[in-house]
Amino acid sequence: MLNSCDFQGRLAADPELRTTQTGKQVASFRMAVDRDMVDANGHRPTDWLTFAAWGKTAEFVSKYFRKGSAAVVHSRCQTRQYEDKNGNNRTAIEFVVDNIYFAGPKQDNQQGAVDDGGTNPPQATYRNQQPQQMGFATQSQRQQWQGAADHPGNVQVSQSFSQGSDDDFSVLDDADDLPF
């Protein structure tokens, strides 16, 4: 039998980490998951799903995810029967997390500052003070690249990655049959 559920959404609140009487850790959280279809008003209905993560996954969820964090959750559906305060029999449906993945950009102090290579990089924090941004080894290389659009010809390209000549990139005449 197959019992596998994948969801992408945002956490509705901070995960709650608890320890059971047997010493196992469990983190519970709710996620808002938009449906694929659009209603008559142009809005996507949202489902509010309950998840439970156990052991190391519970520790991971409670340490790295917060309210509003985008996540992809691989889980399995589980039901349980219980009796409510009024003596009525109820069925709870929850999803037991097998794996959880980050689905959004890395955030600094939940402010959402992301270095997207634009002209206004985020203010420096302890996480993004490193010069390597957008694949550049140094901040000066990044700044040189950003100014290249305004001043073509100012960028100096190193030939260290290629030992070939321009003839290596000659144009093939494709009017006839291709050679393969």
C-alpha atoms as a PDB file:
ATOM      1  CA  MET A   1       0.000   0.000   0.000  1.00  0.00           C
ATOM      2  CA  LEU A   2       1.108   3.558  -0.632  1.00  0.00           C
ATOM      3  CA  ASN A   3       0.639   6.343   1.907  1.00  0.00           C
ATOM      4  CA  SER A   4       2.668   9.337   0.738  1.00  0.00           C
ATOM      5  CA  CYS A   5       1.708  13.011   0.838  1.00  0.00           C
ATOM      6  CA  ASP A   6       3.744  16.009  -0.337  1.00  0.00           C
ATOM      7  CA  PHE A   7       2.785  19.587   0.513  1.00  0.00           C
ATOM      8  CA  GLN A   8       4.262  23.017  -0.065  1.00  0.00           C
ATOM      9  CA  GLY A   9       3.103  25.906   2.078  1.00  0.00           C
ATOM     10  CA  ARG A  10       3.896  28.237   4.948  1.00  0.00           C
ATOM     11  CA  LEU A  11       3.921  27.524   8.660  1.00  0.00           C
ATOM     12  CA  ALA A  12       0.945  29.126  10.375  1.00  0.00           C
ATOM     13  CA  ALA A  13       2.743  29.392  13.740  1.00  0.00           C
ATOM     14  CA  ASP A  14       6.052  28.482  15.342  1.00  0.00           C
ATOM     15  CA  PRO A  15       6.426  24.697  15.800  1.00  0.00           C
ATOM     16  CA  GLU A  16       5.734  23.405  19.327  1.00  0.00           C
ATOM     17  CA  LEU A  17       8.443  21.017  20.549  1.00  0.00           C
ATOM     18  CA  ARG A  18       7.417  18.620  23.352  1.00  0.00           C
ATOM     19  CA  THR A  19       8.851  15.519  24.947  1.00  0.00           C
ATOM     20  CA  THR A  20       6.620  12.487  25.520  1.00  0.00           C
ATOM     21  CA  GLN A  21       6.532  10.523  28.773  1.00  0.00           C
ATOM     22  CA  THR A  22       8.805   7.937  27.129  1.00  0.00           C
ATOM     23  CA  GLY A  23      11.388  10.626  26.286  1.00  0.00           C
ATOM     24  CA  LYS A  24      10.698  10.961  22.540  1.00  0.00           C
ATOM     25  CA  GLN A  25      10.610  14.447  21.054  1.00  0.00           C
ATOM     26  CA  VAL A  26       7.685  15.527  18.904  1.00  0.00           C
ATOM     27  CA  ALA A  27       7.118  18.841  17.130  1.00  0.00           C
ATOM     28  CA  SER A  28       3.649  19.775  15.970  1.00  0.00           C
ATOM     29  CA  PHE A  29       2.831  22.585  13.564  1.00  0.00           C
ATOM     30  CA  ARG A  30       0.167  23.761  11.155  1.00  0.00           C
ATOM     31  CA  MET A  31       0.746  24.767   7.559  1.00  0.00           C
ATOM     32  CA  ALA A  32      -1.302  26.855   5.173  1.00  0.00           C
ATOM     33  CA  VAL A  33      -1.348  25.083   1.812  1.00  0.00           C
ATOM     34  CA  ASP A  34      -2.955  26.780  -1.195  1.00  0.00           C
ATOM     35  CA  ARG A  35      -4.949  24.654  -3.625  1.00  0.00           C
ATOM     36  CA  ASP A  36      -4.109  24.610  -7.323  1.00  0.00           C
ATOM     37  CA  MET A  37      -7.555  25.756  -8.457  1.00  0.00           C
ATOM     38  CA  VAL A  38      -8.840  29.321  -8.384  1.00  0.00           C
ATOM     39  CA  ASP A  39     -12.364  30.112  -7.153  1.00  0.00           C
ATOM     40  CA  ALA A  40     -14.895  32.423  -8.844  1.00  0.00           C
ATOM     41  CA  ASN A  41     -13.344  35.492  -7.127  1.00  0.00           C
ATOM     42  CA  GLY A  42      -9.836  34.677  -8.400  1.00  0.00           C
ATOM     43  CA  HIS A  43      -8.598  33.466  -4.999  1.00  0.00           C
ATOM     44  CA  ARG A  44      -6.984  30.146  -4.174  1.00  0.00           C
ATOM     45  CA  PRO A  45      -8.667  28.306  -1.297  1.00  0.00           C
ATOM     46  CA  THR A  46      -6.275  27.477   1.551  1.00  0.00           C
ATOM     47  CA  ASP A  47      -6.175  24.255   3.540  1.00  0.00           C
ATOM     48  CA  TRP A  48      -4.849  24.373   7.121  1.00  0.00           C
ATOM     49  CA  LEU A  49      -3.096  21.062   7.759  1.00  0.00           C
ATOM     50  CA  THR A  50      -1.704  19.639  11.007  1.00  0.00           C
ATOM     51  CA  PHE A  51       1.707  17.957  11.026  1.00  0.00           C
ATOM     52  CA  ALA A  52       3.714  16.001  13.597  1.00  0.00           C
ATOM     53  CA  ALA A  53       7.470  15.409  13.336  1.00  0.00           C
ATOM     54  CA  TRP A  54       9.311  12.967  15.595  1.00  0.00           C
ATOM     55  CA  GLY A  55      12.898  12.561  16.842  1.00  0.00           C
ATOM     56  CA  LYS A  56      15.667  14.354  14.947  1.00  0.00           C
ATOM     57  CA  THR A  57      13.149  15.722  12.439  1.00  0.00           C
ATOM     58  CA  ALA A  58      11.259  17.342  15.336  1.00  0.00           C
ATOM     59  CA  GLU A  59      14.467  19.000  16.552  1.00  0.00           C
ATOM     60  CA  PHE A  60      15.248  20.204  13.023  1.00  0.00           C
ATOM     61  CA  VAL A  61      11.771  21.673  12.502  1.00  0.00           C
ATOM     62  CA  SER A  62      11.744  23.504  15.823  1.00  0.00           C
ATOM     63  CA  LYS A  63      15.253  24.866  15.304  1.00  0.00           C
ATOM     64  CA  TYR A  64      15.060  26.132  11.711  1.00  0.00           C
ATOM     65  CA  PHE A  65      11.399  26.872  10.924  1.00  0.00           C
ATOM     66  CA  ARG A  66       9.210  29.697  12.231  1.00  0.00           C
ATOM     67  CA  LYS A  67       5.815  31.187  11.517  1.00  0.00           C
ATOM     68  CA  GLY A  68       5.741  32.185   7.847  1.00  0.00           C
ATOM     69  CA  SER A  69       8.596  29.889   6.788  1.00  0.00           C
ATOM     70  CA  ALA A  70       8.032  28.317   3.379  1.00  0.00           C
ATOM     71  CA  ALA A  71       8.480  24.547   3.455  1.00  0.00           C
ATOM     72  CA  VAL A  72       7.979  21.396   1.431  1.00  0.00           C
ATOM     73  CA  VAL A  73       6.873  18.472   3.579  1.00  0.00           C
ATOM     74  CA  HIS A  74       7.020  14.811   2.603  1.00  0.00           C
ATOM     75  CA  SER A  75       4.690  12.963   4.967  1.00  0.00           C
ATOM     76  CA  ARG A  76       2.192  10.172   5.435  1.00  0.00           C
ATOM     77  CA  CYS A  77      -1.439  10.543   6.441  1.00  0.00           C
ATOM     78  CA  GLN A  78      -2.518   9.134   9.765  1.00  0.00           C
ATOM     79  CA  THR A  79      -5.876   9.058  11.536  1.00  0.00           C
ATOM     80  CA  ARG A  80      -6.625   8.469  15.194  1.00  0.00           C
ATOM     81  CA  GLN A  81      -9.806   8.103  17.180  1.00  0.00           C
ATOM     82  CA  TYR A  82     -10.463   9.997  20.401  1.00  0.00           C
ATOM     83  CA  GLU A  83     -13.286  11.097  22.648  1.00  0.00           C
ATOM     84  CA  ASP A  84     -13.846  14.830  23.120  1.00  0.00           C
ATOM     85  CA  LYS A  85     -14.871  16.632  26.352  1.00  0.00           C
ATOM     86  CA  ASN A  86     -18.550  16.001  25.676  1.00  0.00           C
ATOM     87  CA  GLY A  87     -18.085  12.248  25.186  1.00  0.00           C
ATOM     88  CA  ASN A  88     -18.407  12.366  21.395  1.00  0.00           C
ATOM     89  CA  ASN A  89     -16.213  10.080  19.285  1.00  0.00           C
ATOM     90  CA  ARG A  90     -13.974  12.064  16.952  1.00  0.00           C
ATOM     91  CA  THR A  91     -11.434  11.308  14.248  1.00  0.00           C
ATOM     92  CA  ALA A  92      -8.279  13.395  13.941  1.00  0.00           C
ATOM     93  CA  ILE A  93      -6.404  13.497  10.652  1.00  0.00           C
ATOM     94  CA  GLU A  94      -2.763  14.523  10.796  1.00  0.00           C
ATOM     95  CA  PHE A  95       0.323  14.122   8.674  1.00  0.00           C
ATOM     96  CA  VAL A  96       3.457  12.501  10.095  1.00  0.00           C
ATOM     97  CA  VAL A  97       6.537  14.212   8.666  1.00  0.00           C
ATOM     98  CA  ASP A  98       9.163  12.001   7.049  1.00  0.00           C
ATOM     99  CA  ASN A  99      11.213  14.885   5.587  1.00  0.00           C
ATOM    100  CA  ILE A 100      10.896  18.651   5.537  1.00  0.00           C
ATOM    101  CA  TYR A 101      12.736  20.957   3.147  1.00  0.00           C
ATOM    102  CA  PHE A 102      13.294  24.711   2.904  1.00  0.00           C
ATOM    103  CA  ALA A 103      11.160  26.165   0.110  1.00  0.00           C
ATOM    104  CA  GLY A 104      12.037  29.843   0.303  1.00  0.00           C
ATOM    105  CA  PRO A 105      15.072  32.083   0.500  1.00  0.00           C
ATOM    106  CA  LYS A 106      17.274  32.049   3.556  1.00  0.00           C
ATOM    107  CA  GLN A 107      16.075  34.737   5.939  1.00  0.00           C
ATOM    108  CA  ASP A 108      18.091  36.758   8.434  1.00  0.00           C
ATOM    109  CA  ASN A 109      16.188  37.340  11.662  1.00  0.00           C
ATOM    110  CA  GLN A 110      12.883  36.769   9.796  1.00  0.00           C
ATOM    111  CA  GLN A 111      13.305  40.027   7.864  1.00  0.00           C
ATOM    112  CA  GLY A 112      13.586  38.299   4.510  1.00  0.00           C
ATOM    113  CA  ALA A 113      16.739  40.100   3.335  1.00  0.00           C
ATOM    114  CA  VAL A 114      17.998  38.343   0.228  1.00  0.00           C
ATOM    115  CA  ASP A 115      20.990  39.277  -1.939  1.00  0.00           C
ATOM    116  CA  ASP A 116      19.519  38.861  -5.398  1.00  0.00           C
ATOM    117  CA  GLY A 117      22.401  40.618  -7.154  1.00  0.00           C
ATOM    118  CA  GLY A 118      20.485  43.859  -7.543  1.00  0.00           C
ATOM    119  CA  THR A 119      21.867  47.349  -7.121  1.00  0.00           C
ATOM    120  CA  ASN A 120      20.732  47.563  -3.492  1.00  0.00           C
ATOM    121  CA  PRO A 121      22.119  44.556  -1.596  1.00  0.00           C
ATOM    122  CA  PRO A 122      20.747  43.979   1.919  1.00  0.00           C
ATOM    123  CA  GLN A 123      22.473  45.496   4.906  1.00  0.00           C
ATOM    124  CA  ALA A 124      25.296  43.380   6.276  1.00  0.00           C
ATOM    125  CA  THR A 125      24.448  40.924   9.021  1.00  0.00           C
ATOM    126  CA  TYR A 126      26.571  38.235  10.551  1.00  0.00           C
ATOM    127  CA  ARG A 127      25.254  35.765   7.942  1.00  0.00           C
ATOM    128  CA  ASN A 128      25.916  37.735   4.770  1.00  0.00           C
ATOM    129  CA  GLN A 129      29.140  39.577   5.538  1.00  0.00           C
ATOM    130  CA  GLN A 130      31.137  37.147   3.407  1.00  0.00           C
ATOM    131  CA  PRO A 131      32.298  38.603   0.078  1.00  0.00           C
ATOM    132  CA  GLN A 132      31.168  35.596  -1.949  1.00  0.00           C
ATOM    133  CA  GLN A 133      27.759  36.633  -3.256  1.00  0.00           C
ATOM    134  CA  MET A 134      26.124  35.530  -6.483  1.00  0.00           C
ATOM    135  CA  GLY A 135      29.133  33.341  -7.339  1.00  0.00           C
ATOM    136  CA  PHE A 136      31.772  36.079  -7.117  1.00  0.00           C
ATOM    137  CA  ALA A 137      34.975  35.405  -5.185  1.00  0.00           C
ATOM    138  CA  THR A 138      35.286  38.996  -3.954  1.00  0.00           C
ATOM    139  CA  GLN A 139      33.017  41.969  -3.430  1.00  0.00           C
ATOM    140  CA  SER A 140      35.067  43.992  -5.959  1.00  0.00           C
ATOM    141  CA  GLN A 141      34.368  41.404  -8.676  1.00  0.00           C
ATOM    142  CA  ARG A 142      30.659  41.711  -7.957  1.00  0.00           C
ATOM    143  CA  GLN A 143      30.807  45.499  -8.098  1.00  0.00           C
ATOM    144  CA  GLN A 144      32.803  45.339 -11.324  1.00  0.00           C
ATOM    145  CA  TRP A 145      30.148  43.082 -12.847  1.00  0.00           C
ATOM    146  CA  GLN A 146      27.330  45.384 -11.693  1.00  0.00           C
ATOM    147  CA  GLY A 147      29.015  48.385 -13.339  1.00  0.00           C
ATOM    148  CA  ALA A 148      29.697  46.510 -16.586  1.00  0.00           C
ATOM    149  CA  ALA A 149      26.267  47.293 -18.036  1.00  0.00           C
ATOM    150  CA  ASP A 150      26.834  51.035 -17.615  1.00  0.00           C
ATOM    151  CA  HIS A 151      30.414  51.022 -18.915  1.00  0.00           C
ATOM    152  CA  PRO A 152      31.026  48.232 -21.439  1.00  0.00           C
ATOM    153  CA  GLY A 153      34.683  47.488 -21.997  1.00  0.00           C
ATOM    154  CA  ASN A 154      35.708  48.140 -18.382  1.00  0.00           C
ATOM    155  CA  VAL A 155      35.508  44.468 -17.438  1.00  0.00           C
ATOM    156  CA  GLN A 156      38.721  42.519 -17.818  1.00  0.00           C
ATOM    157  CA  VAL A 157      38.186  38.852 -18.619  1.00  0.00           C
ATOM    158  CA  SER A 158      40.797  36.295 -17.718  1.00  0.00           C
ATOM    159  CA  GLN A 159      41.744  33.736 -20.366  1.00  0.00           C
ATOM    160  CA  SER A 160      42.787  31.214 -17.700  1.00  0.00           C
ATOM    161  CA  PHE A 161      39.805  28.929 -18.299  1.00  0.00           C
ATOM    162  CA  SER A 162      40.518  28.348 -21.989  1.00  0.00           C
ATOM    163  CA  GLN A 163      43.701  27.382 -23.795  1.00  0.00           C
ATOM    164  CA  GLY A 164      41.991  27.183 -27.203  1.00  0.00           C
ATOM    165  CA  SER A 165      41.767  29.612 -30.071  1.00  0.00           C
ATOM    166  CA  ASP A 166      38.896  31.339 -31.859  1.00  0.00           C
ATOM    167  CA  ASP A 167      39.011  28.599 -34.523  1.00  0.00           C
ATOM    168  CA  ASP A 168      37.734  26.135 -31.910  1.00  0.00           C
ATOM    169  CA  PHE A 169      34.410  27.957 -32.080  1.00  0.00           C
ATOM    170  CA  SER A 170      33.980  28.254 -35.833  1.00  0.00           C
ATOM    171  CA  VAL A 171      30.489  28.423 -37.320  1.00  0.00           C
ATOM    172  CA  LEU A 172      29.218  25.264 -38.991  1.00  0.00           C
ATOM    173  CA  ASP A 173      27.439  25.616 -42.303  1.00  0.00           C
ATOM    174  CA  ASP A 174      24.157  23.854 -41.629  1.00  0.00           C
ATOM    175  CA  ALA A 175      22.738  24.338 -45.141  1.00  0.00           C
ATOM    176  CA  ASP A 176      23.737  20.780 -45.985  1.00  0.00           C
ATOM    177  CA  ASP A 177      23.485  17.641 -43.908  1.00  0.00           C
ATOM    178  CA  LEU A 178      24.951  17.834 -40.445  1.00  0.00           C
ATOM    179  CA  PRO A 179      28.137  15.794 -39.899  1.00  0.00           C
ATOM    180  CA  PHE A 180      26.525  13.469 -37.373  1.00  0.00           C
END
